[in-house]
C-alpha atoms as a PDB file:
ATOM      1  CA  UNK A   1     110.575 119.214  65.422  1.00  0.00           C
ATOM      2  CA  UNK A   2     111.462 116.887  68.230  1.00  0.00           C
ATOM      3  CA  UNK A   3     107.780 115.999  68.726  1.00  0.00           C
ATOM      4  CA  UNK A   4     107.247 115.389  65.054  1.00  0.00           C
ATOM      5  CA  UNK A   5     110.353 113.151  64.702  1.00  0.00           C
ATOM      6  CA  UNK A   6     109.218 111.281  67.852  1.00  0.00           C
ATOM      7  CA  UNK A   7     105.924 110.667  66.317  1.00  0.00           C
ATOM      8  CA  UNK A   8     107.234 109.760  62.846  1.00  0.00           C
ATOM      9  CA  UNK A   9     109.724 107.186  64.199  1.00  0.00           C
ATOM     10  CA  UNK A  10     107.496 105.943  67.112  1.00  0.00           C
ATOM     11  CA  UNK A  11     110.347 106.501  69.436  1.00  0.00           C
ATOM     12  CA  UNK A  12     109.438 108.485  72.566  1.00  0.00           C
ATOM     13  CA  UNK A  13     111.632 111.238  73.963  1.00  0.00           C
ATOM     14  CA  UNK A  14     112.718 110.504  77.607  1.00  0.00           C
ATOM     15  CA  UNK A  15     110.365 112.256  80.004  1.00  0.00           C
ATOM     16  CA  UNK A  16     113.163 114.168  81.785  1.00  0.00           C
ATOM     17  CA  UNK A  17     114.543 115.544  78.510  1.00  0.00           C
ATOM     18  CA  UNK A  18     113.611 118.831  76.863  1.00  0.00           C
ATOM     19  CA  UNK A  19     114.765 120.599  73.749  1.00  0.00           C
ATOM     20  CA  UNK A  20     115.167 124.386  73.537  1.00  0.00           C
ATOM     21  CA  UNK A  21     116.078 126.238  70.369  1.00  0.00           C
ATOM     22  CA  UNK A  22     115.019 127.451  66.939  1.00  0.00           C
ATOM     23  CA  UNK A  23     115.604 125.536  63.721  1.00  0.00           C
ATOM     24  CA  UNK A  24     116.716 127.438  60.695  1.00  0.00           C
ATOM     25  CA  UNK A  25     115.702 126.565  57.161  1.00  0.00           C
ATOM     26  CA  UNK A  26     119.145 124.918  56.636  1.00  0.00           C
ATOM     27  CA  UNK A  27     118.812 122.759  59.704  1.00  0.00           C
ATOM     28  CA  UNK A  28     120.981 124.746  62.031  1.00  0.00           C
ATOM     29  CA  UNK A  29     119.850 124.875  65.732  1.00  0.00           C
ATOM     30  CA  UNK A  30     119.899 128.471  66.971  1.00  0.00           C
ATOM     31  CA  UNK A  31     119.474 130.140  70.439  1.00  0.00           C
ATOM     32  CA  UNK A  32     116.328 131.716  71.493  1.00  0.00           C
ATOM     33  CA  UNK A  33     115.910 134.665  73.711  1.00  0.00           C
ATOM     34  CA  UNK A  34     116.149 134.287  77.598  1.00  0.00           C
ATOM     35  CA  UNK A  35     117.857 130.855  77.351  1.00  0.00           C
ATOM     36  CA  UNK A  36     119.244 130.815  80.898  1.00  0.00           C
ATOM     37  CA  UNK A  37     115.724 131.632  82.236  1.00  0.00           C
ATOM     38  CA  UNK A  38     114.192 128.864  80.182  1.00  0.00           C
ATOM     39  CA  UNK A  39     116.913 126.353  81.417  1.00  0.00           C
ATOM     40  CA  UNK A  40     116.289 127.286  85.058  1.00  0.00           C
ATOM     41  CA  UNK A  41     112.616 126.910  84.502  1.00  0.00           C
ATOM     42  CA  UNK A  42     113.094 123.458  82.826  1.00  0.00           C
ATOM     43  CA  UNK A  43     115.094 122.361  85.838  1.00  0.00           C
ATOM     44  CA  UNK A  44     112.520 123.605  88.268  1.00  0.00           C
ATOM     45  CA  UNK A  45     109.896 121.532  86.318  1.00  0.00           C
ATOM     46  CA  UNK A  46     111.938 118.444  86.789  1.00  0.00           C
ATOM     47  CA  UNK A  47     113.813 118.033  83.532  1.00  0.00           C
ATOM     48  CA  UNK A  48     117.311 116.599  84.017  1.00  0.00           C
ATOM     49  CA  UNK A  49     118.642 116.934  80.402  1.00  0.00           C
ATOM     50  CA  UNK A  50     118.273 119.773  77.891  1.00  0.00           C
ATOM     51  CA  UNK A  51     119.267 119.700  74.222  1.00  0.00           C
ATOM     52  CA  UNK A  52     120.236 123.190  73.200  1.00  0.00           C
ATOM     53  CA  UNK A  53     122.142 125.079  70.572  1.00  0.00           C
ATOM     54  CA  UNK A  54     125.796 126.100  71.262  1.00  0.00           C
ATOM     55  CA  UNK A  55     125.820 129.119  73.639  1.00  0.00           C
ATOM     56  CA  UNK A  56     128.211 132.161  73.475  1.00  0.00           C
ATOM     57  CA  UNK A  57     128.741 132.183  77.227  1.00  0.00           C
ATOM     58  CA  UNK A  58     128.722 129.092  79.481  1.00  0.00           C
ATOM     59  CA  UNK A  59     125.680 128.529  81.517  1.00  0.00           C
ATOM     60  CA  UNK A  60     125.351 126.251  84.540  1.00  0.00           C
ATOM     61  CA  UNK A  61     121.946 125.186  85.890  1.00  0.00           C
ATOM     62  CA  UNK A  62     122.038 123.017  88.982  1.00  0.00           C
ATOM     63  CA  UNK A  63     120.571 119.556  88.225  1.00  0.00           C
ATOM     64  CA  UNK A  64     120.435 120.010  84.455  1.00  0.00           C
ATOM     65  CA  UNK A  65     122.804 118.378  81.956  1.00  0.00           C
ATOM     66  CA  UNK A  66     123.202 120.523  78.865  1.00  0.00           C
ATOM     67  CA  UNK A  67     123.757 118.750  75.480  1.00  0.00           C
ATOM     68  CA  UNK A  68     124.781 121.119  72.771  1.00  0.00           C
ATOM     69  CA  UNK A  69     123.745 120.371  69.168  1.00  0.00           C
ATOM     70  CA  UNK A  70     124.799 122.434  66.145  1.00  0.00           C
ATOM     71  CA  UNK A  71     122.376 120.772  63.723  1.00  0.00           C
ATOM     72  CA  UNK A  72     118.882 119.320  63.766  1.00  0.00           C
ATOM     73  CA  UNK A  73     120.376 115.944  62.886  1.00  0.00           C
ATOM     74  CA  UNK A  74     122.648 116.222  66.008  1.00  0.00           C
ATOM     75  CA  UNK A  75     119.729 117.231  68.136  1.00  0.00           C
ATOM     76  CA  UNK A  76     117.520 114.318  66.982  1.00  0.00           C
ATOM     77  CA  UNK A  77     120.462 111.939  67.718  1.00  0.00           C
ATOM     78  CA  UNK A  78     120.813 113.440  71.300  1.00  0.00           C
ATOM     79  CA  UNK A  79     117.025 113.012  71.793  1.00  0.00           C
ATOM     80  CA  UNK A  80     117.182 109.392  70.559  1.00  0.00           C
ATOM     81  CA  UNK A  81     114.486 109.814  67.841  1.00  0.00           C
ATOM     82  CA  UNK A  82     116.483 109.444  64.735  1.00  0.00           C
ATOM     83  CA  UNK A  83     115.980 106.393  62.552  1.00  0.00           C
END
């Protein structure tokens, strides 16, 4: 969804930002399996910011700022690709 929104608005997502999560039919952002592993891997690949769904237990990954978003609208705002 982030890539589609970026293309539709002609606004690029920052190179050091990633988004991890599932979008429900109602626009809610939901967690995906192995979230902590995915976040560690994103940090290893050089990402500094991750837009993610709210997590049940707090996660800290060195060098990675976590931005929690409840809805697709919030996530697009955090990514800077909303009109």
